[in-house]
Amino acid sequence: AYSDLEGDLPSSVVKLRKLVDFIIGSTKVTGQLPGALGEMTSLRILTIYNTFVDGEIPTSICQLTDLEELNLGKNKLVGILPVCIGDMKRLRSLLLEDNRLFGYEISLISLRPIPESISNLTKLKFLTLNTLNAISSTNLFSGSLPLGMAKLLLLEKLYVNVQTLSGPLPTIYAAIDLDDCDLTLGDYCRYWNSPDRSSATTTCDFESVPKCNSDCMVLY
């Protein structure tokens, strides 16, 4: 729960194998995600949000194949986002913003892309890899957005505010009808589409994002 909890996240929490919802947030909890986290196979919701939990995301998390909501945003997590994240096909919400995560490095071109396996999460409605105000605590994905993400036709909200991304925006993304999106890529201006913005439209049309130049740094 959201409270004044503090201290290390106990590794023994994995013994709660019948637990369905595990939610802590906005606390002073520290430590790391248990390596055996995947043993909590009854979980449907896992939220560890806005804490001081650090270290890597254990690959065992991918064993939580019945998980519907995963929120690890605003922590101190570092390292590689497991490729097996694509095995969690029941996920409707994946929130990872404001950590220091990246993808497996492609050594020949020194890129750490968003895992293509995210494209397998076809039930996703909410995907957040960074937020607008992230400065020092920003994920470190680089390269282009995965082409396969065009399959995520249920997406309603997409936040990809990662300065290290680059490359063209695939026109196929225009097929996704989003209620809210925030994109910041190295070669493009910020494009924000939401009801409270004067430039809002009914869809998030990726084809309309202009190239950045000296006259175009931020669009609202």
Protein backbone atom coordinates (compact mmCIF):
# COMPACT_ATOMS: atom_id res chain seq x y z
CA ALA A 1 0.00 0.00 0.00
CA TYR A 2 0.99 3.66 -0.22
CA SER A 3 2.41 4.44 3.21
CA ASP A 4 5.50 5.28 5.22
CA LEU A 5 7.00 1.82 4.82
CA GLU A 6 10.81 1.68 4.76
CA GLY A 7 13.58 -0.89 4.81
CA ASP A 8 14.64 -3.55 2.32
CA LEU A 9 12.11 -5.44 0.26
CA PRO A 10 12.36 -8.93 1.84
CA SER A 11 13.28 -11.80 -0.48
CA SER A 12 10.89 -13.98 1.53
CA VAL A 13 7.96 -12.19 -0.09
CA VAL A 14 8.15 -14.81 -2.87
CA LYS A 15 6.72 -17.35 -0.41
CA LEU A 16 3.33 -15.62 -0.76
CA ARG A 17 2.48 -17.83 -3.71
CA LYS A 18 -1.28 -17.36 -3.46
CA LEU A 19 -1.04 -13.58 -3.43
CA VAL A 20 -3.00 -12.00 -6.30
CA ASP A 21 -2.21 -8.27 -5.93
CA PHE A 22 1.13 -6.96 -4.65
CA ILE A 23 1.14 -3.15 -4.49
CA ILE A 24 3.57 -0.80 -2.76
CA GLY A 25 4.30 2.74 -3.82
CA SER A 26 5.57 6.17 -2.79
CA THR A 27 7.53 4.66 0.08
CA LYS A 28 11.13 4.54 1.31
CA VAL A 29 11.40 0.83 0.56
CA THR A 30 14.90 -0.13 -0.63
CA GLY A 31 16.67 -3.30 -1.72
CA GLN A 32 16.27 -5.27 -4.93
CA LEU A 33 13.59 -7.29 -6.67
CA PRO A 34 13.85 -10.91 -5.44
CA GLY A 35 15.56 -13.21 -7.91
CA ALA A 36 12.82 -15.79 -7.36
CA LEU A 37 10.03 -13.31 -8.07
CA GLY A 38 8.72 -15.66 -10.75
CA GLU A 39 7.56 -18.09 -8.05
CA MET A 40 4.61 -15.78 -7.23
CA THR A 41 2.63 -17.30 -10.07
CA SER A 42 -0.80 -16.27 -8.74
CA LEU A 43 -0.05 -12.58 -9.18
CA ARG A 44 -2.34 -10.57 -11.42
CA ILE A 45 -1.09 -7.12 -10.38
CA LEU A 46 2.51 -6.26 -9.43
CA THR A 47 3.17 -2.63 -8.53
CA ILE A 48 6.39 -1.39 -6.97
CA TYR A 49 6.20 2.30 -7.79
CA ASN A 50 8.18 5.36 -6.72
CA THR A 51 10.47 3.62 -4.23
CA PHE A 52 14.23 3.27 -3.77
CA VAL A 53 14.31 -0.31 -5.05
CA ASP A 54 17.36 -0.74 -7.29
CA GLY A 55 19.27 -3.42 -9.18
CA GLU A 56 18.17 -5.37 -12.23
CA ILE A 57 14.80 -6.81 -13.19
CA PRO A 58 15.20 -10.58 -12.69
CA THR A 59 14.44 -12.72 -15.72
CA SER A 60 12.24 -14.90 -13.49
CA ILE A 61 9.62 -12.13 -13.68
CA CYS A 62 8.71 -13.52 -17.10
CA GLN A 63 7.32 -16.62 -15.38
CA LEU A 64 4.40 -14.49 -14.17
CA THR A 65 2.44 -15.32 -17.29
CA ASP A 66 -0.94 -14.53 -15.68
CA LEU A 67 0.14 -11.01 -14.74
CA GLU A 68 -2.14 -8.31 -16.12
CA GLU A 69 -0.57 -5.16 -14.68
CA LEU A 70 3.15 -4.53 -14.15
CA ASN A 71 4.17 -1.17 -12.74
CA LEU A 72 7.86 -0.71 -11.89
CA GLY A 73 7.97 3.00 -12.67
CA LYS A 74 9.97 5.66 -10.80
CA ASN A 75 12.41 3.37 -9.03
CA LYS A 76 16.21 2.99 -9.24
CA LEU A 77 16.23 -0.05 -11.51
CA VAL A 78 19.17 -0.49 -13.87
CA GLY A 79 20.30 -2.85 -16.59
CA ILE A 80 18.68 -4.84 -19.34
CA LEU A 81 14.92 -5.15 -19.77
CA PRO A 82 14.56 -8.94 -20.17
CA VAL A 83 13.68 -9.98 -23.71
CA CYS A 84 11.37 -12.61 -22.23
CA ILE A 85 9.02 -9.76 -21.23
CA GLY A 86 7.21 -10.72 -24.43
CA ASP A 87 6.14 -13.99 -22.80
CA MET A 88 3.81 -12.12 -20.43
CA LYS A 89 1.02 -12.06 -22.97
CA ARG A 90 -1.80 -11.22 -20.55
CA LEU A 91 -0.29 -7.84 -19.72
CA ARG A 92 -2.67 -4.92 -20.21
CA SER A 93 -0.44 -2.35 -18.53
CA LEU A 94 3.38 -2.13 -18.63
CA LEU A 95 4.82 0.90 -16.83
CA LEU A 96 8.61 1.16 -16.58
CA GLU A 97 9.24 4.91 -16.67
CA ASP A 98 12.03 6.81 -14.93
CA ASN A 99 14.54 4.05 -14.28
CA ARG A 100 17.87 3.34 -16.01
CA LEU A 101 16.85 0.42 -18.22
CA PHE A 102 18.04 -0.48 -21.71
CA GLY A 103 17.88 -3.30 -24.25
CA TYR A 104 20.43 -5.94 -25.18
CA GLU A 105 23.33 -4.26 -26.96
CA ILE A 106 23.79 -4.84 -30.68
CA SER A 107 27.57 -4.76 -30.61
CA LEU A 108 28.24 -3.89 -34.26
CA ILE A 109 26.26 -0.67 -34.09
CA SER A 110 26.27 -0.03 -30.32
CA LEU A 111 22.49 0.15 -29.99
CA ARG A 112 20.41 -0.94 -27.00
CA PRO A 113 16.94 -1.13 -28.55
CA ILE A 114 13.53 -1.63 -26.99
CA PRO A 115 13.02 -5.42 -27.13
CA GLU A 116 11.14 -6.49 -30.24
CA SER A 117 9.38 -9.03 -28.01
CA ILE A 118 7.19 -6.21 -26.64
CA SER A 119 5.32 -6.63 -29.91
CA ASN A 120 3.96 -9.93 -28.55
CA LEU A 121 1.99 -8.13 -25.84
CA THR A 122 -1.08 -7.69 -27.98
CA LYS A 123 -3.40 -7.06 -25.01
CA LEU A 124 -1.47 -3.95 -23.92
CA LYS A 125 -3.53 -0.81 -23.36
CA PHE A 126 -0.91 1.25 -21.51
CA LEU A 127 2.83 1.33 -22.26
CA THR A 128 5.11 3.81 -20.52
CA LEU A 129 8.87 3.74 -21.05
CA ASN A 130 9.46 7.31 -19.89
CA THR A 131 7.60 10.43 -18.91
CA LEU A 132 7.80 13.98 -20.14
CA ASN A 133 9.64 15.33 -17.10
CA ALA A 134 12.27 12.62 -16.79
CA ILE A 135 15.75 14.18 -16.88
CA SER A 136 18.36 12.36 -14.82
CA SER A 137 16.29 9.22 -14.28
CA THR A 138 15.60 8.23 -17.83
CA ASN A 139 15.72 4.85 -19.50
CA LEU A 140 18.54 4.37 -21.98
CA PHE A 141 16.94 2.56 -24.91
CA SER A 142 18.45 3.49 -28.27
CA GLY A 143 17.71 2.74 -31.91
CA SER A 144 14.28 2.72 -33.51
CA LEU A 145 10.90 1.73 -32.15
CA PRO A 146 10.18 -1.95 -32.95
CA LEU A 147 8.24 -2.35 -36.20
CA GLY A 148 6.19 -5.12 -34.63
CA MET A 149 4.60 -2.68 -32.19
CA ALA A 150 2.12 -1.96 -34.95
CA LYS A 151 0.39 -5.15 -33.76
CA LEU A 152 -0.52 -3.51 -30.45
CA LEU A 153 -3.89 -2.38 -31.71
CA LEU A 154 -5.44 -2.12 -28.23
CA LEU A 155 -2.98 0.55 -27.07
CA GLU A 156 -4.68 3.60 -25.61
CA LYS A 157 -1.73 5.38 -24.01
CA LEU A 158 1.90 5.32 -25.17
CA TYR A 159 4.70 7.29 -23.52
CA VAL A 160 8.10 7.02 -25.15
CA ASN A 161 10.01 10.10 -24.11
CA VAL A 162 13.51 8.78 -24.66
CA GLN A 163 16.04 11.18 -26.18
CA THR A 164 18.37 8.38 -27.27
CA LEU A 165 15.91 6.90 -29.78
CA SER A 166 16.49 7.70 -33.42
CA GLY A 167 15.50 6.74 -36.93
CA PRO A 168 12.31 7.17 -38.91
CA LEU A 169 8.87 6.59 -37.44
CA PRO A 170 7.34 3.70 -39.39
CA THR A 171 4.21 4.86 -41.21
CA ILE A 172 2.48 1.66 -40.11
CA TYR A 173 2.27 3.17 -36.61
CA ALA A 174 -0.41 5.50 -37.88
CA ALA A 175 -2.81 2.55 -37.77
CA ILE A 176 -2.78 2.59 -33.96
CA ASP A 177 -5.58 4.75 -32.57
CA LEU A 178 -4.22 6.23 -29.32
CA ASP A 179 -6.03 8.47 -26.87
CA ASP A 180 -2.77 9.86 -25.52
CA CYS A 181 0.83 9.68 -26.66
CA ASP A 182 4.12 11.38 -25.95
CA LEU A 183 7.03 10.84 -28.29
CA THR A 184 10.48 12.35 -28.12
CA LEU A 185 13.04 10.89 -30.51
CA GLY A 186 16.47 12.15 -31.40
CA ASP A 187 15.49 13.20 -34.93
CA TYR A 188 11.98 14.42 -34.15
CA CYS A 189 10.22 17.08 -32.16
CA ARG A 190 8.09 16.20 -29.20
CA TYR A 191 4.57 15.36 -30.25
CA TRP A 192 1.93 15.29 -27.54
CA ASN A 193 -1.61 14.30 -28.30
CA SER A 194 -4.10 14.60 -25.47
CA PRO A 195 -7.45 16.30 -24.85
CA ASP A 196 -6.00 19.23 -22.89
CA ARG A 197 -3.61 20.28 -25.68
CA SER A 198 -4.67 22.77 -28.34
CA SER A 199 -3.04 20.63 -31.02
CA ALA A 200 -4.85 17.47 -29.99
CA THR A 201 -6.38 15.30 -32.67
CA THR A 202 -8.56 12.22 -32.51
CA THR A 203 -5.68 9.86 -33.26
CA CYS A 204 -1.97 9.76 -32.70
CA ASP A 205 -0.84 10.12 -36.31
CA PHE A 206 2.85 9.31 -36.38
CA GLU A 207 3.14 10.45 -39.99
CA SER A 208 2.43 14.03 -38.90
CA VAL A 209 5.46 14.33 -36.61
CA PRO A 210 7.78 16.90 -38.26
CA LYS A 211 11.55 16.78 -38.45
CA CYS A 212 13.29 18.89 -35.85
CA ASN A 213 15.18 21.94 -37.00
CA SER A 214 16.28 25.29 -35.58
CA ASP A 215 12.69 26.55 -35.63
CA CYS A 216 11.11 23.44 -34.12
CA MET A 217 12.31 22.16 -30.78
CA VAL A 218 9.12 21.52 -28.83
CA LEU A 219 5.59 21.27 -30.17
CA TYR A 220 2.53 21.60 -27.96
